[in-house]
Amino acid sequence: MKAQRKCLKGVVVSDKMDKTVVVAVGRTMRHRLYGKVLRRTKKYMAHDEENACRIGDRVEIIESRPLSRRKRWAVRQVLQSAAQQDVGR
């Protein structure tokens, strides 16, 4: 039986490479001693076959086979483009 692949949602912070984007995924955690809520961000390199993503886009990425030394994720879909976010303001 094949394991379920992980999905994450984040914001594109770089699209300078060919067929690759860098996605920042944020999460909140509670400090184990002091109880303060902290924000943590991790960056993932994701495969973007059509070069469709732009900086500021909200995207969903999915786990994939290793595509290069640091690339183990692929863009599943663009949830909201940066142009749409500007219109909503």
PDB file of N, CA and C in Angstrom:
ATOM      1  N   MET A   1       0.842  -1.189   0.000  1.00  0.00           N
ATOM      2  CA  MET A   1       0.000   0.000   0.000  1.00  0.00           C
ATOM      3  C   MET A   1       0.882   1.245   0.000  1.00  0.00           C
ATOM      4  N   LYS A   2       0.574   2.199  -0.860  1.00  0.00           N
ATOM      5  CA  LYS A   2       1.371   3.403  -0.996  1.00  0.00           C
ATOM      6  C   LYS A   2       1.013   4.398   0.111  1.00  0.00           C
ATOM      7  N   ALA A   3       2.046   5.003   0.694  1.00  0.00           N
ATOM      8  CA  ALA A   3       1.821   5.967   1.768  1.00  0.00           C
ATOM      9  C   ALA A   3       1.264   7.268   1.205  1.00  0.00           C
ATOM     10  N   GLN A   4       0.482   7.963   2.003  1.00  0.00           N
ATOM     11  CA  GLN A   4      -0.081   9.262   1.621  1.00  0.00           C
ATOM     12  C   GLN A   4       1.042  10.290   1.559  1.00  0.00           C
ATOM     13  N   ARG A   5       1.086  11.070   0.495  1.00  0.00           N
ATOM     14  CA  ARG A   5       2.119  12.098   0.364  1.00  0.00           C
ATOM     15  C   ARG A   5       1.727  13.344   1.141  1.00  0.00           C
ATOM     16  N   LYS A   6       2.706  14.004   1.740  1.00  0.00           N
ATOM     17  CA  LYS A   6       2.452  15.201   2.529  1.00  0.00           C
ATOM     18  C   LYS A   6       2.175  16.388   1.620  1.00  0.00           C
ATOM     19  N   CYS A   7       1.265  17.253   2.064  1.00  0.00           N
ATOM     20  CA  CYS A   7       0.941  18.497   1.356  1.00  0.00           C
ATOM     21  C   CYS A   7       1.173  19.662   2.310  1.00  0.00           C
ATOM     22  N   LEU A   8       1.765  20.725   1.805  1.00  0.00           N
ATOM     23  CA  LEU A   8       1.993  21.929   2.591  1.00  0.00           C
ATOM     24  C   LEU A   8       1.518  23.135   1.790  1.00  0.00           C
ATOM     25  N   LYS A   9       1.162  24.210   2.505  1.00  0.00           N
ATOM     26  CA  LYS A   9       0.748  25.454   1.860  1.00  0.00           C
ATOM     27  C   LYS A   9       1.721  26.541   2.277  1.00  0.00           C
ATOM     28  N   GLY A  10       2.095  27.384   1.307  1.00  0.00           N
ATOM     29  CA  GLY A  10       3.035  28.447   1.612  1.00  0.00           C
ATOM     30  C   GLY A  10       3.018  29.531   0.557  1.00  0.00           C
ATOM     31  N   VAL A  11       3.990  30.434   0.652  1.00  0.00           N
ATOM     32  CA  VAL A  11       4.091  31.589  -0.227  1.00  0.00           C
ATOM     33  C   VAL A  11       5.406  31.499  -1.001  1.00  0.00           C
ATOM     34  N   VAL A  12       5.344  31.774  -2.304  1.00  0.00           N
ATOM     35  CA  VAL A  12       6.536  31.754  -3.137  1.00  0.00           C
ATOM     36  C   VAL A  12       7.387  32.973  -2.797  1.00  0.00           C
ATOM     37  N   VAL A  13       8.655  32.735  -2.435  1.00  0.00           N
ATOM     38  CA  VAL A  13       9.561  33.839  -2.101  1.00  0.00           C
ATOM     39  C   VAL A  13      10.628  34.046  -3.163  1.00  0.00           C
ATOM     40  N   SER A  14      10.822  33.076  -4.082  1.00  0.00           N
ATOM     41  CA  SER A  14      11.784  33.232  -5.161  1.00  0.00           C
ATOM     42  C   SER A  14      11.345  32.396  -6.357  1.00  0.00           C
ATOM     43  N   ASP A  15      11.465  33.006  -7.564  1.00  0.00           N
ATOM     44  CA  ASP A  15      11.155  32.271  -8.792  1.00  0.00           C
ATOM     45  C   ASP A  15      12.251  32.495  -9.832  1.00  0.00           C
ATOM     46  N   LYS A  16      13.470  32.745  -9.388  1.00  0.00           N
ATOM     47  CA  LYS A  16      14.563  33.095 -10.287  1.00  0.00           C
ATOM     48  C   LYS A  16      15.135  31.902 -11.034  1.00  0.00           C
ATOM     49  N   MET A  17      14.896  30.697 -10.559  1.00  0.00           N
ATOM     50  CA  MET A  17      15.434  29.511 -11.220  1.00  0.00           C
ATOM     51  C   MET A  17      14.460  29.002 -12.277  1.00  0.00           C
ATOM     52  N   ASP A  18      14.968  28.192 -13.191  1.00  0.00           N
ATOM     53  CA  ASP A  18      14.137  27.618 -14.236  1.00  0.00           C
ATOM     54  C   ASP A  18      13.444  26.365 -13.696  1.00  0.00           C
ATOM     55  N   LYS A  19      12.115  26.351 -13.761  1.00  0.00           N
ATOM     56  CA  LYS A  19      11.284  25.228 -13.312  1.00  0.00           C
ATOM     57  C   LYS A  19      11.421  24.925 -11.821  1.00  0.00           C
ATOM     58  N   THR A  20      11.837  25.911 -11.037  1.00  0.00           N
ATOM     59  CA  THR A  20      11.979  25.742  -9.594  1.00  0.00           C
ATOM     60  C   THR A  20      11.537  27.010  -8.887  1.00  0.00           C
ATOM     61  N   VAL A  21      10.811  26.858  -7.786  1.00  0.00           N
ATOM     62  CA  VAL A  21      10.443  27.987  -6.934  1.00  0.00           C
ATOM     63  C   VAL A  21      10.827  27.664  -5.503  1.00  0.00           C
ATOM     64  N   VAL A  22      11.043  28.704  -4.713  1.00  0.00           N
ATOM     65  CA  VAL A  22      11.299  28.537  -3.287  1.00  0.00           C
ATOM     66  C   VAL A  22      10.030  28.962  -2.563  1.00  0.00           C
ATOM     67  N   VAL A  23       9.502  28.055  -1.726  1.00  0.00           N
ATOM     68  CA  VAL A  23       8.244  28.289  -1.025  1.00  0.00           C
ATOM     69  C   VAL A  23       8.520  28.359   0.473  1.00  0.00           C
ATOM     70  N   ALA A  24       8.071  29.439   1.114  1.00  0.00           N
ATOM     71  CA  ALA A  24       8.204  29.594   2.557  1.00  0.00           C
ATOM     72  C   ALA A  24       6.928  29.093   3.218  1.00  0.00           C
ATOM     73  N   VAL A  25       7.078  28.112   4.092  1.00  0.00           N
ATOM     74  CA  VAL A  25       5.945  27.522   4.801  1.00  0.00           C
ATOM     75  C   VAL A  25       6.069  27.906   6.270  1.00  0.00           C
ATOM     76  N   GLY A  26       5.038  28.584   6.773  1.00  0.00           N
ATOM     77  CA  GLY A  26       5.056  29.028   8.160  1.00  0.00           C
ATOM     78  C   GLY A  26       4.238  28.114   9.051  1.00  0.00           C
ATOM     79  N   ARG A  27       4.635  28.060  10.317  1.00  0.00           N
ATOM     80  CA  ARG A  27       3.881  27.294  11.313  1.00  0.00           C
ATOM     81  C   ARG A  27       4.026  28.004  12.650  1.00  0.00           C
ATOM     82  N   THR A  28       3.101  27.736  13.540  1.00  0.00           N
ATOM     83  CA  THR A  28       3.197  28.289  14.889  1.00  0.00           C
ATOM     84  C   THR A  28       3.463  27.161  15.864  1.00  0.00           C
ATOM     85  N   MET A  29       4.238  27.469  16.874  1.00  0.00           N
ATOM     86  CA  MET A  29       4.544  26.484  17.905  1.00  0.00           C
ATOM     87  C   MET A  29       4.578  27.190  19.254  1.00  0.00           C
ATOM     88  N   ARG A  30       4.408  26.430  20.280  1.00  0.00           N
ATOM     89  CA  ARG A  30       4.443  26.978  21.626  1.00  0.00           C
ATOM     90  C   ARG A  30       5.771  26.599  22.278  1.00  0.00           C
ATOM     91  N   HIS A  31       6.442  27.579  22.875  1.00  0.00           N
ATOM     92  CA  HIS A  31       7.699  27.321  23.560  1.00  0.00           C
ATOM     93  C   HIS A  31       7.447  26.362  24.713  1.00  0.00           C
ATOM     94  N   ARG A  32       8.261  25.318  24.789  1.00  0.00           N
ATOM     95  CA  ARG A  32       7.942  24.257  25.750  1.00  0.00           C
ATOM     96  C   ARG A  32       8.102  24.668  27.210  1.00  0.00           C
ATOM     97  N   LEU A  33       8.964  25.659  27.496  1.00  0.00           N
ATOM     98  CA  LEU A  33       9.127  26.092  28.880  1.00  0.00           C
ATOM     99  C   LEU A  33       8.282  27.324  29.201  1.00  0.00           C
ATOM    100  N   TYR A  34       8.304  28.327  28.352  1.00  0.00           N
ATOM    101  CA  TYR A  34       7.657  29.599  28.644  1.00  0.00           C
ATOM    102  C   TYR A  34       6.244  29.713  28.097  1.00  0.00           C
ATOM    103  N   GLY A  35       5.868  28.866  27.180  1.00  0.00           N
ATOM    104  CA  GLY A  35       4.502  28.872  26.678  1.00  0.00           C
ATOM    105  C   GLY A  35       4.194  29.944  25.650  1.00  0.00           C
ATOM    106  N   LYS A  36       5.192  30.747  25.279  1.00  0.00           N
ATOM    107  CA  LYS A  36       4.961  31.796  24.286  1.00  0.00           C
ATOM    108  C   LYS A  36       4.756  31.178  22.901  1.00  0.00           C
ATOM    109  N   VAL A  37       3.819  31.742  22.139  1.00  0.00           N
ATOM    110  CA  VAL A  37       3.557  31.259  20.788  1.00  0.00           C
ATOM    111  C   VAL A  37       4.586  31.882  19.849  1.00  0.00           C
ATOM    112  N   LEU A  38       5.298  31.045  19.114  1.00  0.00           N
ATOM    113  CA  LEU A  38       6.348  31.481  18.207  1.00  0.00           C
ATOM    114  C   LEU A  38       5.981  31.130  16.776  1.00  0.00           C
ATOM    115  N   ARG A  39       6.416  31.962  15.837  1.00  0.00           N
ATOM    116  CA  ARG A  39       6.224  31.667  14.414  1.00  0.00           C
ATOM    117  C   ARG A  39       7.541  31.162  13.850  1.00  0.00           C
ATOM    118  N   ARG A  40       7.494  30.042  13.168  1.00  0.00           N
ATOM    119  CA  ARG A  40       8.671  29.458  12.529  1.00  0.00           C
ATOM    120  C   ARG A  40       8.401  29.338  11.033  1.00  0.00           C
ATOM    121  N   THR A  41       9.415  29.597  10.221  1.00  0.00           N
ATOM    122  CA  THR A  41       9.296  29.508   8.774  1.00  0.00           C
ATOM    123  C   THR A  41      10.388  28.595   8.248  1.00  0.00           C
ATOM    124  N   LYS A  42      10.008  27.742   7.311  1.00  0.00           N
ATOM    125  CA  LYS A  42      10.975  26.874   6.652  1.00  0.00           C
ATOM    126  C   LYS A  42      10.795  27.033   5.155  1.00  0.00           C
ATOM    127  N   LYS A  43      11.907  27.030   4.418  1.00  0.00           N
ATOM    128  CA  LYS A  43      11.852  27.201   2.967  1.00  0.00           C
ATOM    129  C   LYS A  43      12.074  25.859   2.277  1.00  0.00           C
ATOM    130  N   TYR A  44      11.243  25.582   1.275  1.00  0.00           N
ATOM    131  CA  TYR A  44      11.341  24.361   0.491  1.00  0.00           C
ATOM    132  C   TYR A  44      11.527  24.740  -0.979  1.00  0.00           C
ATOM    133  N   MET A  45      12.383  23.997  -1.678  1.00  0.00           N
ATOM    134  CA  MET A  45      12.510  24.163  -3.122  1.00  0.00           C
ATOM    135  C   MET A  45      11.526  23.202  -3.769  1.00  0.00           C
ATOM    136  N   ALA A  46      10.720  23.722  -4.687  1.00  0.00           N
ATOM    137  CA  ALA A  46       9.663  22.914  -5.299  1.00  0.00           C
ATOM    138  C   ALA A  46       9.745  23.012  -6.819  1.00  0.00           C
ATOM    139  N   HIS A  47       9.384  21.926  -7.482  1.00  0.00           N
ATOM    140  CA  HIS A  47       9.410  21.852  -8.939  1.00  0.00           C
ATOM    141  C   HIS A  47       8.162  22.519  -9.503  1.00  0.00           C
ATOM    142  N   ASP A  48       8.362  23.427 -10.458  1.00  0.00           N
ATOM    143  CA  ASP A  48       7.278  24.149 -11.127  1.00  0.00           C
ATOM    144  C   ASP A  48       7.466  23.957 -12.628  1.00  0.00           C
ATOM    145  N   GLU A  49       6.857  22.929 -13.172  1.00  0.00           N
ATOM    146  CA  GLU A  49       7.097  22.508 -14.558  1.00  0.00           C
ATOM    147  C   GLU A  49       6.812  23.602 -15.580  1.00  0.00           C
ATOM    148  N   GLU A  50       5.720  24.354 -15.431  1.00  0.00           N
ATOM    149  CA  GLU A  50       5.335  25.363 -16.424  1.00  0.00           C
ATOM    150  C   GLU A  50       5.868  26.757 -16.119  1.00  0.00           C
ATOM    151  N   ASN A  51       6.661  26.923 -15.076  1.00  0.00           N
ATOM    152  CA  ASN A  51       7.117  28.248 -14.635  1.00  0.00           C
ATOM    153  C   ASN A  51       5.931  29.188 -14.431  1.00  0.00           C
ATOM    154  N   ALA A  52       4.863  28.679 -13.820  1.00  0.00           N
ATOM    155  CA  ALA A  52       3.623  29.436 -13.658  1.00  0.00           C
ATOM    156  C   ALA A  52       3.624  30.298 -12.402  1.00  0.00           C
ATOM    157  N   CYS A  53       4.414  29.965 -11.409  1.00  0.00           N
ATOM    158  CA  CYS A  53       4.384  30.671 -10.122  1.00  0.00           C
ATOM    159  C   CYS A  53       5.217  31.946 -10.168  1.00  0.00           C
ATOM    160  N   ARG A  54       4.723  32.961  -9.459  1.00  0.00           N
ATOM    161  CA  ARG A  54       5.430  34.233  -9.315  1.00  0.00           C
ATOM    162  C   ARG A  54       5.603  34.536  -7.834  1.00  0.00           C
ATOM    163  N   ILE A  55       6.483  35.461  -7.520  1.00  0.00           N
ATOM    164  CA  ILE A  55       6.732  35.830  -6.122  1.00  0.00           C
ATOM    165  C   ILE A  55       5.438  36.365  -5.514  1.00  0.00           C
ATOM    166  N   GLY A  56       5.099  35.882  -4.333  1.00  0.00           N
ATOM    167  CA  GLY A  56       3.896  36.322  -3.634  1.00  0.00           C
ATOM    168  C   GLY A  56       2.706  35.401  -3.813  1.00  0.00           C
ATOM    169  N   ASP A  57       2.771  34.454  -4.738  1.00  0.00           N
ATOM    170  CA  ASP A  57       1.666  33.510  -4.940  1.00  0.00           C
ATOM    171  C   ASP A  57       1.545  32.566  -3.743  1.00  0.00           C
ATOM    172  N   ARG A  58       0.301  32.259  -3.363  1.00  0.00           N
ATOM    173  CA  ARG A  58       0.068  31.221  -2.355  1.00  0.00           C
ATOM    174  C   ARG A  58      -0.089  29.910  -3.101  1.00  0.00           C
ATOM    175  N   VAL A  59       0.700  28.899  -2.737  1.00  0.00           N
ATOM    176  CA  VAL A  59       0.707  27.634  -3.464  1.00  0.00           C
ATOM    177  C   VAL A  59       0.597  26.462  -2.503  1.00  0.00           C
ATOM    178  N   GLU A  60       0.197  25.328  -3.059  1.00  0.00           N
ATOM    179  CA  GLU A  60       0.190  24.073  -2.329  1.00  0.00           C
ATOM    180  C   GLU A  60       1.261  23.192  -2.957  1.00  0.00           C
ATOM    181  N   ILE A  61       2.154  22.648  -2.117  1.00  0.00           N
ATOM    182  CA  ILE A  61       3.210  21.775  -2.616  1.00  0.00           C
ATOM    183  C   ILE A  61       3.000  20.373  -2.073  1.00  0.00           C
ATOM    184  N   ILE A  62       3.488  19.387  -2.826  1.00  0.00           N
ATOM    185  CA  ILE A  62       3.296  17.988  -2.468  1.00  0.00           C
ATOM    186  C   ILE A  62       4.650  17.286  -2.529  1.00  0.00           C
ATOM    187  N   GLU A  63       4.811  16.322  -1.654  1.00  0.00           N
ATOM    188  CA  GLU A  63       6.031  15.535  -1.608  1.00  0.00           C
ATOM    189  C   GLU A  63       6.224  14.777  -2.921  1.00  0.00           C
ATOM    190  N   SER A  64       7.458  14.669  -3.387  1.00  0.00           N
ATOM    191  CA  SER A  64       7.722  13.916  -4.615  1.00  0.00           C
ATOM    192  C   SER A  64       9.060  13.203  -4.480  1.00  0.00           C
ATOM    193  N   ARG A  65       9.422  12.481  -5.523  1.00  0.00           N
ATOM    194  CA  ARG A  65      10.717  11.817  -5.514  1.00  0.00           C
ATOM    195  C   ARG A  65      11.813  12.876  -5.607  1.00  0.00           C
ATOM    196  N   PRO A  66      13.047  12.563  -5.224  1.00  0.00           N
ATOM    197  CA  PRO A  66      14.121  13.548  -5.349  1.00  0.00           C
ATOM    198  C   PRO A  66      14.341  13.942  -6.811  1.00  0.00           C
ATOM    199  N   LEU A  67      14.244  15.231  -7.090  1.00  0.00           N
ATOM    200  CA  LEU A  67      14.432  15.745  -8.443  1.00  0.00           C
ATOM    201  C   LEU A  67      15.808  16.369  -8.627  1.00  0.00           C
ATOM    202  N   SER A  68      16.438  16.787  -7.538  1.00  0.00           N
ATOM    203  CA  SER A  68      17.802  17.298  -7.555  1.00  0.00           C
ATOM    204  C   SER A  68      18.325  17.205  -6.121  1.00  0.00           C
ATOM    205  N   ARG A  69      19.476  17.827  -5.873  1.00  0.00           N
ATOM    206  CA  ARG A  69      20.085  17.694  -4.549  1.00  0.00           C
ATOM    207  C   ARG A  69      19.179  18.231  -3.431  1.00  0.00           C
ATOM    208  N   ARG A  70      18.500  19.358  -3.671  1.00  0.00           N
ATOM    209  CA  ARG A  70      17.668  19.969  -2.623  1.00  0.00           C
ATOM    210  C   ARG A  70      16.180  19.964  -2.931  1.00  0.00           C
ATOM    211  N   LYS A  71      15.786  19.468  -4.109  1.00  0.00           N
ATOM    212  CA  LYS A  71      14.393  19.566  -4.541  1.00  0.00           C
ATOM    213  C   LYS A  71      13.675  18.238  -4.345  1.00  0.00           C
ATOM    214  N   ARG A  72      12.746  18.191  -3.368  1.00  0.00           N
ATOM    215  CA  ARG A  72      11.966  16.984  -3.074  1.00  0.00           C
ATOM    216  C   ARG A  72      10.472  17.263  -3.023  1.00  0.00           C
ATOM    217  N   TRP A  73      10.058  18.435  -3.511  1.00  0.00           N
ATOM    218  CA  TRP A  73       8.662  18.845  -3.499  1.00  0.00           C
ATOM    219  C   TRP A  73       8.270  19.324  -4.888  1.00  0.00           C
ATOM    220  N   ALA A  74       6.983  19.296  -5.190  1.00  0.00           N
ATOM    221  CA  ALA A  74       6.466  19.788  -6.467  1.00  0.00           C
ATOM    222  C   ALA A  74       5.241  20.655  -6.193  1.00  0.00           C
ATOM    223  N   VAL A  75       5.049  21.670  -7.025  1.00  0.00           N
ATOM    224  CA  VAL A  75       3.877  22.539  -6.888  1.00  0.00           C
ATOM    225  C   VAL A  75       2.660  21.772  -7.385  1.00  0.00           C
ATOM    226  N   ARG A  76       1.666  21.646  -6.510  1.00  0.00           N
ATOM    227  CA  ARG A  76       0.428  20.952  -6.889  1.00  0.00           C
ATOM    228  C   ARG A  76      -0.540  21.915  -7.561  1.00  0.00           C
ATOM    229  N   GLN A  77      -0.739  23.091  -6.935  1.00  0.00           N
ATOM    230  CA  GLN A  77      -1.620  24.085  -7.525  1.00  0.00           C
ATOM    231  C   GLN A  77      -1.343  25.458  -6.925  1.00  0.00           C
ATOM    232  N   VAL A  78      -1.689  26.487  -7.709  1.00  0.00           N
ATOM    233  CA  VAL A  78      -1.602  27.860  -7.229  1.00  0.00           C
ATOM    234  C   VAL A  78      -2.953  28.178  -6.585  1.00  0.00           C
ATOM    235  N   LEU A  79      -2.940  28.455  -5.297  1.00  0.00           N
ATOM    236  CA  LEU A  79      -4.183  28.731  -4.577  1.00  0.00           C
ATOM    237  C   LEU A  79      -4.658  30.158  -4.822  1.00  0.00           C
ATOM    238  N   GLN A  80      -3.710  31.100  -4.806  1.00  0.00           N
ATOM    239  CA  GLN A  80      -4.059  32.504  -5.026  1.00  0.00           C
ATOM    240  C   GLN A  80      -2.842  33.205  -5.602  1.00  0.00           C
ATOM    241  N   SER A  81      -3.018  33.880  -6.724  1.00  0.00           N
ATOM    242  CA  SER A  81      -1.884  34.562  -7.340  1.00  0.00           C
ATOM    243  C   SER A  81      -1.652  35.897  -6.644  1.00  0.00           C
ATOM    244  N   ALA A  82      -0.449  36.413  -6.780  1.00  0.00           N
ATOM    245  CA  ALA A  82      -0.094  37.687  -6.146  1.00  0.00           C
ATOM    246  C   ALA A  82      -0.923  38.821  -6.729  1.00  0.00           C
ATOM    247  N   ALA A  83      -1.264  38.749  -8.013  1.00  0.00           N
ATOM    248  CA  ALA A  83      -2.073  39.796  -8.654  1.00  0.00           C
ATOM    249  C   ALA A  83      -3.470  39.845  -8.040  1.00  0.00           C
ATOM    250  N   GLN A  84      -4.058  38.694  -7.723  1.00  0.00           N
ATOM    251  CA  GLN A  84      -5.379  38.659  -7.108  1.00  0.00           C
ATOM    252  C   GLN A  84      -5.354  39.216  -5.697  1.00  0.00           C
ATOM    253  N   GLN A  85      -4.251  38.996  -4.979  1.00  0.00           N
ATOM    254  CA  GLN A  85      -4.141  39.504  -3.617  1.00  0.00           C
ATOM    255  C   GLN A  85      -4.105  41.019  -3.605  1.00  0.00           C
ATOM    256  N   ASP A  86      -3.449  41.644  -4.606  1.00  0.00           N
ATOM    257  CA  ASP A  86      -3.388  43.104  -4.675  1.00  0.00           C
ATOM    258  C   ASP A  86      -4.739  43.718  -4.949  1.00  0.00           C
ATOM    259  N   VAL A  87      -5.556  43.050  -5.781  1.00  0.00           N
ATOM    260  CA  VAL A  87      -6.891  43.532  -6.125  1.00  0.00           C
ATOM    261  C   VAL A  87      -7.797  43.506  -4.892  1.00  0.00           C
ATOM    262  N   GLY A  88      -7.608  42.501  -4.023  1.00  0.00           N
ATOM    263  CA  GLY A  88      -8.462  42.344  -2.846  1.00  0.00           C
ATOM    264  C   GLY A  88      -8.227  43.385  -1.773  1.00  0.00           C
ATOM    265  N   ARG A  89      -7.147  44.158  -1.862  1.00  0.00           N
ATOM    266  CA  ARG A  89      -6.841  45.145  -0.823  1.00  0.00           C
ATOM    267  C   ARG A  89      -7.628  46.405  -0.960  1.00  0.00           C
TER     268      ARG A  89
END
